[in-house]
Protein backbone atom coordinates (compact mmCIF):
# COMPACT_ATOMS: atom_id res chain seq x y z
CA UNK A 1 146.92 118.45 183.16
CA UNK A 2 147.66 121.92 181.99
CA UNK A 3 151.12 120.78 180.95
CA UNK A 4 149.63 117.95 179.02
CA UNK A 5 147.26 120.28 177.24
CA UNK A 6 150.07 122.67 176.53
CA UNK A 7 152.14 119.91 175.02
CA UNK A 8 149.20 118.75 172.93
CA UNK A 9 148.64 122.24 171.54
CA UNK A 10 152.29 122.67 170.69
CA UNK A 11 152.56 119.43 168.67
CA UNK A 12 150.21 120.46 165.82
CA UNK A 13 152.07 123.69 165.42
CA UNK A 14 155.32 121.81 165.04
CA UNK A 15 153.77 119.41 162.55
CA UNK A 16 152.39 122.34 160.54
CA UNK A 17 155.79 123.95 160.39
CA UNK A 18 157.33 120.70 159.19
CA UNK A 19 154.67 120.34 156.52
CA UNK A 20 155.23 123.88 155.30
CA UNK A 21 158.97 123.24 155.07
CA UNK A 22 158.32 120.10 153.07
CA UNK A 23 155.96 121.89 150.68
CA UNK A 24 158.50 124.64 150.19
CA UNK A 25 161.12 122.03 149.33
CA UNK A 26 158.85 120.39 146.76
CA UNK A 27 158.17 123.72 145.08
CA UNK A 28 161.84 124.50 144.96
CA UNK A 29 162.58 121.13 143.45
CA UNK A 30 159.76 121.60 140.91
CA UNK A 31 161.04 125.03 139.94
CA UNK A 32 164.54 123.63 139.67
CA UNK A 33 163.30 120.80 137.42
CA UNK A 34 161.44 123.22 135.14
CA UNK A 35 164.51 125.39 134.92
CA UNK A 36 166.65 122.40 133.99
CA UNK A 37 164.16 121.33 131.25
CA UNK A 38 164.08 124.83 129.77
CA UNK A 39 167.83 124.99 129.85
CA UNK A 40 168.09 121.65 128.06
CA UNK A 41 165.51 122.77 125.45
CA UNK A 42 167.44 125.93 124.70
CA UNK A 43 170.63 123.91 124.45
CA UNK A 44 169.04 121.46 122.06
CA UNK A 45 167.65 124.26 119.88
CA UNK A 46 171.03 125.96 119.81
CA UNK A 47 172.73 122.69 118.95
CA UNK A 48 170.24 121.85 116.19
CA UNK A 49 170.55 125.34 114.78
CA UNK A 50 174.33 125.12 114.79
CA UNK A 51 174.16 121.65 113.21
CA UNK A 52 171.79 122.81 110.47
CA UNK A 53 174.05 125.76 109.75
CA UNK A 54 177.10 123.53 109.74
CA UNK A 55 175.56 120.90 107.45
CA UNK A 56 173.99 123.48 105.12
CA UNK A 57 170.44 122.05 105.48
CA UNK A 58 167.63 124.47 104.63
CA UNK A 59 164.05 124.44 105.84
CA UNK A 60 161.26 126.33 104.08
CA UNK A 61 157.49 126.18 103.77
CA UNK A 62 155.41 126.56 100.65
CA UNK A 63 152.25 125.53 98.82
CA UNK A 64 151.49 122.50 96.65
CA UNK A 65 150.58 123.23 93.02
CA UNK A 66 149.53 120.87 90.24
CA UNK A 67 149.44 121.06 86.44
CA UNK A 68 146.02 122.43 85.55
CA UNK A 69 144.45 122.29 82.08
CA UNK A 70 141.28 124.14 81.12
CA UNK A 71 139.89 122.08 78.25
CA UNK A 72 137.74 123.49 75.44
CA UNK A 73 136.43 122.32 72.07
CA UNK A 74 138.19 123.65 68.98
CA UNK A 75 134.95 123.72 66.97
CA UNK A 76 131.53 125.14 67.79
CA UNK A 77 128.42 123.05 68.17
CA UNK A 78 125.82 121.57 70.49
CA UNK A 79 127.13 119.39 73.32
CA UNK A 80 125.67 115.92 72.94
CA UNK A 81 127.33 114.06 75.83
CA UNK A 82 129.36 114.71 78.97
CA UNK A 83 131.14 111.50 79.92
CA UNK A 84 132.72 112.47 83.23
CA UNK A 85 132.09 114.51 86.36
CA UNK A 86 133.94 116.50 89.00
CA UNK A 87 136.27 114.48 91.19
CA UNK A 88 136.60 111.57 88.79
CA UNK A 89 139.95 110.19 87.72
CA UNK A 90 140.49 109.92 83.97
CA UNK A 91 143.20 108.41 81.79
CA UNK A 92 145.14 109.99 78.97
CA UNK A 93 143.16 110.19 75.68
CA UNK A 94 139.92 109.30 77.48
CA UNK A 95 136.88 110.93 75.85
CA UNK A 96 135.41 113.50 78.25
CA UNK A 97 132.71 115.19 76.16
CA UNK A 98 131.28 115.19 72.62
CA UNK A 99 129.69 117.68 70.24
CA UNK A 100 126.97 116.61 67.79
CA UNK A 101 129.06 115.38 64.84
CA UNK A 102 126.35 115.00 62.17
CA UNK A 103 127.24 118.20 60.30
CA UNK A 104 130.98 117.55 60.53
CA UNK A 105 130.48 113.97 59.29
CA UNK A 106 128.56 115.25 56.26
CA UNK A 107 131.34 117.73 55.51
CA UNK A 108 133.92 114.95 55.73
CA UNK A 109 131.92 112.73 53.35
CA UNK A 110 131.53 115.59 50.86
CA UNK A 111 135.25 116.30 51.01
CA UNK A 112 135.99 112.62 50.40
CA UNK A 113 133.68 112.58 47.36
CA UNK A 114 135.35 115.70 45.96
CA UNK A 115 138.76 114.12 46.37
CA UNK A 116 137.64 110.92 44.64
CA UNK A 117 136.27 112.89 41.68
CA UNK A 118 139.43 114.97 41.42
CA UNK A 119 141.59 111.85 41.47
CA UNK A 120 139.53 110.19 38.72
CA UNK A 121 139.71 113.32 36.56
CA UNK A 122 143.47 113.48 37.04
CA UNK A 123 143.82 109.83 36.07
CA UNK A 124 141.83 110.40 32.88
CA UNK A 125 143.83 113.48 31.90
CA UNK A 126 147.11 111.71 32.58
CA UNK A 127 145.98 108.90 30.25
CA UNK A 128 145.27 111.38 27.46
CA UNK A 129 148.60 113.10 28.01
CA UNK A 130 150.39 109.77 27.81
CA UNK A 131 148.53 108.90 24.60
CA UNK A 132 149.37 112.23 23.01
CA UNK A 133 153.02 111.92 24.02
CA UNK A 134 153.20 108.43 22.52
CA UNK A 135 151.39 109.13 19.22
CA UNK A 136 151.60 112.78 18.18
CA UNK A 137 155.40 113.09 17.91
CA UNK A 138 155.41 109.92 15.82
CA UNK A 139 152.71 111.42 13.57
CA UNK A 140 154.88 114.48 13.04
CA UNK A 141 157.83 112.30 12.11
CA UNK A 142 155.68 110.36 9.67
CA UNK A 143 154.31 113.54 8.13
CA UNK A 144 157.85 114.86 7.74
CA UNK A 145 158.88 111.61 6.07
CA UNK A 146 155.91 111.84 3.71
CA UNK A 147 156.90 115.37 2.76
CA UNK A 148 160.40 114.19 1.93
CA UNK A 149 159.00 111.38 -0.23
CA UNK A 150 156.65 113.75 -2.02
CA UNK A 151 159.45 116.21 -2.60
CA UNK A 152 161.55 113.44 -4.11
CA UNK A 153 158.70 112.33 -6.35
CA UNK A 154 158.09 115.82 -7.53
CA UNK A 155 161.78 116.20 -8.29
CA UNK A 156 161.79 112.88 -10.13
CA UNK A 157 158.87 113.81 -12.27
CA UNK A 158 160.29 117.17 -13.01
CA UNK A 159 163.70 115.64 -13.84
CA UNK A 160 162.42 112.45 -15.50
CA UNK A 161 162.31 108.87 -14.31
CA UNK A 162 165.15 106.61 -13.47
CA UNK A 163 165.06 102.94 -12.72
CA UNK A 164 166.20 103.44 -9.17
CA UNK A 165 163.50 106.06 -8.71
CA UNK A 166 160.86 103.60 -9.75
CA UNK A 167 162.30 101.11 -7.28
CA UNK A 168 162.27 103.68 -4.53
CA UNK A 169 158.63 104.48 -5.27
CA UNK A 170 157.79 100.82 -5.08
CA UNK A 171 159.53 100.48 -1.71
CA UNK A 172 157.75 103.58 -0.44
CA UNK A 173 154.45 102.14 -1.58
CA UNK A 174 155.15 98.86 0.19
CA UNK A 175 156.12 100.72 3.38
CA UNK A 176 152.96 102.83 3.22
CA UNK A 177 150.91 99.69 2.69
CA UNK A 178 152.43 98.06 5.79
CA UNK A 179 151.83 101.21 7.82
CA UNK A 180 148.24 101.39 6.62
CA UNK A 181 147.61 97.77 7.50
CA UNK A 182 149.02 98.24 11.00
CA UNK A 183 146.89 101.34 11.46
CA UNK A 184 143.80 99.46 10.25
CA UNK A 185 144.36 96.67 12.77
CA UNK A 186 144.78 99.23 15.54
CA UNK A 187 141.56 100.91 14.44
CA UNK A 188 139.60 97.67 14.52
CA UNK A 189 141.02 96.79 17.97
CA UNK A 190 140.32 100.22 19.48
CA UNK A 191 136.79 100.30 17.98
CA UNK A 192 136.09 96.98 19.71
CA UNK A 193 137.53 98.21 23.01
CA UNK A 194 135.41 101.36 22.79
CA UNK A 195 132.25 99.34 22.17
CA UNK A 196 133.06 97.31 25.27
CA UNK A 197 133.55 100.49 27.27
CA UNK A 198 137.20 99.75 28.03
CA UNK A 199 138.63 102.99 26.58
CA UNK A 200 137.42 106.54 26.19
CA UNK A 201 136.15 108.03 22.96
CA UNK A 202 139.15 110.36 22.71
CA UNK A 203 141.52 107.40 22.63
CA UNK A 204 139.50 105.78 19.84
CA UNK A 205 139.44 109.04 17.87
CA UNK A 206 143.22 109.38 18.10
CA UNK A 207 143.72 105.89 16.65
CA UNK A 208 141.17 106.58 13.89
CA UNK A 209 143.05 109.75 13.01
CA UNK A 210 146.26 107.79 12.73
CA UNK A 211 144.55 105.25 10.46
CA UNK A 212 143.12 107.96 8.21
CA UNK A 213 146.55 109.54 7.90
CA UNK A 214 148.13 106.18 7.07
CA UNK A 215 145.41 105.50 4.51
CA UNK A 216 146.07 108.79 2.79
CA UNK A 217 149.79 108.14 2.82
CA UNK A 218 149.15 104.73 1.31
CA UNK A 219 146.99 106.14 -1.47
CA UNK A 220 149.56 108.80 -2.28
CA UNK A 221 152.36 106.24 -2.34
CA UNK A 222 150.34 103.97 -4.62
CA UNK A 223 149.54 106.76 -7.02
CA UNK A 224 153.17 107.84 -7.10
CA UNK A 225 154.30 104.31 -7.81
CA UNK A 226 151.68 103.90 -10.57
CA UNK A 227 152.73 107.12 -12.19
CA UNK A 228 156.37 106.09 -12.23
CA UNK A 229 155.50 102.82 -13.86
CA UNK A 230 153.30 104.50 -16.44
CA UNK A 231 155.62 107.37 -17.13
CA UNK A 232 155.31 111.04 -16.45
CA UNK A 233 152.83 113.37 -17.92
CA UNK A 234 152.42 117.05 -17.39
CA UNK A 235 149.35 116.50 -15.33
CA UNK A 236 151.29 113.94 -13.27
CA UNK A 237 153.94 116.50 -12.49
CA UNK A 238 151.25 118.95 -11.42
CA UNK A 239 149.62 116.28 -9.37
CA UNK A 240 152.94 115.52 -7.66
CA UNK A 241 153.31 119.14 -6.83
CA UNK A 242 149.77 119.23 -5.48
CA UNK A 243 150.39 116.14 -3.35
CA UNK A 244 153.54 117.71 -2.04
CA UNK A 245 151.58 120.78 -1.04
CA UNK A 246 149.03 118.55 0.63
CA UNK A 247 151.79 116.64 2.41
CA UNK A 248 153.31 119.84 3.66
CA UNK A 249 149.90 120.94 4.92
CA UNK A 250 149.58 117.59 6.69
CA UNK A 251 152.98 118.05 8.26
CA UNK A 252 152.02 121.52 9.43
CA UNK A 253 148.81 120.17 10.90
CA UNK A 254 150.68 117.34 12.63
CA UNK A 255 153.03 119.85 14.20
CA UNK A 256 150.02 121.86 15.33
CA UNK A 257 148.74 118.72 17.05
CA UNK A 258 151.84 118.82 19.25
CA UNK A 259 150.23 121.74 21.04
CA UNK A 260 147.71 119.26 22.38
CA UNK A 261 150.54 117.82 24.46
CA UNK A 262 151.19 121.20 26.03
CA UNK A 263 147.48 121.79 26.64
CA UNK A 264 147.06 118.32 28.14
CA UNK A 265 150.10 118.87 30.36
CA UNK A 266 148.57 122.10 31.66
CA UNK A 267 145.29 120.31 32.32
CA UNK A 268 147.15 117.60 34.23
CA UNK A 269 148.93 120.17 36.39
CA UNK A 270 145.63 121.91 37.12
CA UNK A 271 144.04 118.56 37.98
CA UNK A 272 146.90 117.73 40.33
CA UNK A 273 146.39 121.06 42.07
CA UNK A 274 142.69 120.25 42.45
CA UNK A 275 143.60 116.87 43.95
CA UNK A 276 145.92 118.55 46.44
CA UNK A 277 143.24 121.08 47.36
CA UNK A 278 140.63 118.34 47.76
CA UNK A 279 143.04 116.30 49.86
CA UNK A 280 143.70 119.28 52.13
CA UNK A 281 139.96 119.91 52.43
CA UNK A 282 139.41 116.27 53.41
CA UNK A 283 142.20 116.45 55.99
CA UNK A 284 140.67 119.61 57.47
CA UNK A 285 137.23 118.00 57.58
CA UNK A 286 138.65 114.95 59.35
CA UNK A 287 140.46 117.16 61.87
CA UNK A 288 137.26 119.06 62.60
CA UNK A 289 135.40 115.77 62.98
CA UNK A 290 138.01 114.57 65.48
CA UNK A 291 137.67 117.86 67.35
CA UNK A 292 134.03 117.03 68.12
CA UNK A 293 135.46 114.76 70.82
CA UNK A 294 137.15 116.36 73.81
CA UNK A 295 139.91 114.08 75.12
CA UNK A 296 142.06 114.22 78.24
CA UNK A 297 145.59 115.38 77.34
CA UNK A 298 146.95 113.55 80.37
CA UNK A 299 145.79 111.37 83.23
CA UNK A 300 144.37 113.34 86.13
CA UNK A 301 141.39 114.40 88.21
CA UNK A 302 138.41 116.40 86.92
CA UNK A 303 138.30 119.58 88.98
CA UNK A 304 135.37 121.35 87.31
CA UNK A 305 132.64 120.76 84.74
CA UNK A 306 131.19 123.91 83.21
CA UNK A 307 128.65 122.78 80.57
CA UNK A 308 125.68 120.45 80.28
CA UNK A 309 124.36 118.37 77.33
CA UNK A 310 122.34 120.50 74.94
CA UNK A 311 124.36 123.66 75.41
CA UNK A 312 125.87 125.31 72.33
CA UNK A 313 129.54 126.04 72.88
CA UNK A 314 131.98 128.17 70.92
CA UNK A 315 135.66 127.40 70.42
CA UNK A 316 137.86 128.22 73.43
CA UNK A 317 134.96 128.19 75.91
CA UNK A 318 136.11 126.32 78.99
CA UNK A 319 134.24 123.02 79.23
CA UNK A 320 136.18 120.88 81.72
CA UNK A 321 139.18 121.51 83.99
CA UNK A 322 141.68 118.73 84.58
CA UNK A 323 144.48 118.55 87.14
CA UNK A 324 147.48 116.24 86.91
CA UNK A 325 148.23 115.11 90.46
CA UNK A 326 150.60 112.27 89.58
CA UNK A 327 153.44 114.74 90.01
CA UNK A 328 153.02 118.02 91.89
CA UNK A 329 155.19 121.07 92.52
CA UNK A 330 155.94 122.62 95.88
CA UNK A 331 156.32 126.36 95.33
CA UNK A 332 158.33 128.26 97.91
CA UNK A 333 160.57 131.31 98.25
CA UNK A 334 164.20 131.07 99.42
CA UNK A 335 165.99 134.03 100.96
CA UNK A 336 168.74 135.72 99.00
CA UNK A 337 171.27 134.80 101.69
CA UNK A 338 170.54 131.07 101.26
CA UNK A 339 169.68 130.70 97.57
CA UNK A 340 173.30 129.76 96.84
CA UNK A 341 172.77 126.55 98.81
CA UNK A 342 169.98 125.42 96.48
CA UNK A 343 171.05 123.47 93.38
CA UNK A 344 169.06 122.11 90.43
CA UNK A 345 168.23 118.45 91.00
CA UNK A 346 168.96 118.72 94.73
CA UNK A 347 167.10 116.17 96.88
CA UNK A 348 164.32 117.58 99.06
CA UNK A 349 162.20 115.95 101.76
CA UNK A 350 158.63 117.20 102.01
CA UNK A 351 156.10 116.83 104.83
CA UNK A 352 152.52 118.03 105.22
CA UNK A 353 150.17 118.61 108.12
CA UNK A 354 147.68 116.23 106.53
CA UNK A 355 150.12 113.31 106.64
CA UNK A 356 152.55 114.32 109.40
CA UNK A 357 154.19 110.90 109.63
CA UNK A 358 154.88 110.55 105.92
CA UNK A 359 157.88 111.98 104.08
CA UNK A 360 157.74 112.65 100.33
CA UNK A 361 160.96 112.83 98.35
CA UNK A 362 161.34 115.37 95.57
CA UNK A 363 164.00 117.37 93.79
CA UNK A 364 164.63 120.98 92.84
CA UNK A 365 163.17 121.46 89.35
CA UNK A 366 163.34 125.23 88.94
CA UNK A 367 165.21 128.16 90.47
CA UNK A 368 164.10 131.61 89.37
CA UNK A 369 166.95 133.56 87.74
CA UNK A 370 165.49 136.81 89.07
CA UNK A 371 164.94 137.84 92.65
CA UNK A 372 161.77 139.45 93.93
CA UNK A 373 160.54 140.94 97.15
CA UNK A 374 158.69 138.60 99.45
CA UNK A 375 155.04 138.25 98.30
CA UNK A 376 152.50 140.41 100.12
CA UNK A 377 150.94 137.35 101.72
CA UNK A 378 153.81 137.48 104.23
CA UNK A 379 152.41 139.32 107.26
CA UNK A 380 155.26 141.46 108.58
CA UNK A 381 156.71 144.41 106.72
CA UNK A 382 160.20 143.30 107.76
CA UNK A 383 159.74 139.99 105.97
CA UNK A 384 158.01 141.53 102.93
CA UNK A 385 160.96 143.74 102.03
CA UNK A 386 163.42 140.83 101.91
CA UNK A 387 164.69 139.72 98.50
CA UNK A 388 163.74 136.10 97.75
CA UNK A 389 163.92 133.66 94.84
CA UNK A 390 161.15 131.39 93.65
CA UNK A 391 162.02 127.68 93.84
CA UNK A 392 159.85 124.85 92.55
CA UNK A 393 160.27 121.33 93.87
CA UNK A 394 158.87 118.45 91.84
CA UNK A 395 157.37 115.73 94.05
CA UNK A 396 156.06 112.37 92.75
CA UNK A 397 152.52 111.78 94.00
CA UNK A 398 151.54 108.26 92.83
CA UNK A 399 148.79 107.87 95.44
CA UNK A 400 147.35 111.33 94.68
CA UNK A 401 147.58 112.28 98.35
CA UNK A 402 148.99 115.76 97.78
CA UNK A 403 146.39 118.27 96.64
CA UNK A 404 146.53 121.74 95.11
CA UNK A 405 146.78 124.49 97.73
CA UNK A 406 147.99 122.17 100.48
CA UNK A 407 150.72 123.74 102.70
CA UNK A 408 153.93 121.75 103.00
CA UNK A 409 157.38 121.97 104.58
CA UNK A 410 160.60 121.21 102.74
CA UNK A 411 164.04 120.17 103.96
CA UNK A 412 166.85 120.61 101.43
CA UNK A 413 169.37 117.78 101.86
C-alpha cells in the first residue's frame, strides 16, 4: 500500500516535469519564429533600400497647395448682391457679387450722349470743309480770270478798239451770262433745300455768294461789251479802270476766303480730337460699369466670403476668396544629394493618408534654381541645416479630392 502511494505521488511529479519541458520547447520555438520574422523584415528593408538606390527612385513627403485668388472690386460702391457662399463650386466667368450700378450706368449714358454730340459736330464741320474745298478755290480762279478780262478791256480802251477785241468782249459776256445762269439755278435749288431743312444755312449762304459774284461778273461783262460796241469815251476808260480795281479787290477777297479752308480744317481736327476723347470716356465708363460685377477668373471653390449686401467697399478690399482645385501642386523639398535625380516633367506618383488606396499621377512642374536650408518646421537641428531644393509637382485633381494643406507622399519614377 505504501508502495502504491509512493508510486502515485511520483507520477504527478513526472508529468509536471514533462509539461515544463514542453512549455520550454514552445517558448523556444516562439522566440525562434520571432527572430526569423525580424531577420526577414530586415532583409526585405535592406533589399528594398538597395533596389530603390539602384533604380534611382526617390520618396519624399510634402503638402498640397492650390491656386488661390483673393477677389476684389475695382470700383467703390455699395454691395447690392452676393450670389455665392463658402464651399460652393463656381464656374469661370460666373457672377459672384454685384455693386449698385445706378451711378455707373448714368455715367455711361452721359458719356454716350457726349460722344454722339461730338460725332454730329464733326460730321457738320467736315461737310463745311468739303464745301469750302470744292467752291472757294474755284471762286479764286474765277476772280483771277475776271481780273485778266478787266485788264484786257482796260488795255483795249486805252489803246482803242479792234474788231477782234469786240468779239472777245462778246464771248466774255456770253460766258459770264452762262456762269450767272448756272449760279442762279444753284441758288434757287439751295434755297429750296434750305427751306425743306435738308441743308444748313452756311451751305445756302456759300451758294448765294457764288451767285452774287457771278451776277456782278455778268454785269461787268455786259457793260464792257456794250462799251466796245458803242465806242470808247474818256469816262468809259475811267470806268474800265475802276472795274479793274474792283475786280482786283474781288480777287483779293476771294483769296482771303481761302483762309476759311484752313480755319475749317483746324476746326475739323479739334472736333476729331473731341470725338476721340469722348470715345475714350465712353470706353472708361463701360469698363467701370462692367467692374460693378465681380466674376470668377477660373472655376473653383469659394473658400471665404468677407462682405455682406449693403456694405460699402473700396477698390482692392478682399470680397471673396476662390481656390482652383482642378489642378493642385504638391510642394516638397529634395535633398541636395538627390536633386540631380529630379527632372522637369518627370512622372510622380502621389498618395495621401485620406485616400490610402488611391494613387494620383503628376509631374515635376518646377525645380528651384537656388538651394535653401531645410525649413524650420523640420524638428531636428540635424535635418534643418541640410541644403534642400524646393520642388513643385502638378497633380490633376478632377474629382476635387485633394485639398489645400493636405499632407501627401510622392514617389519619383
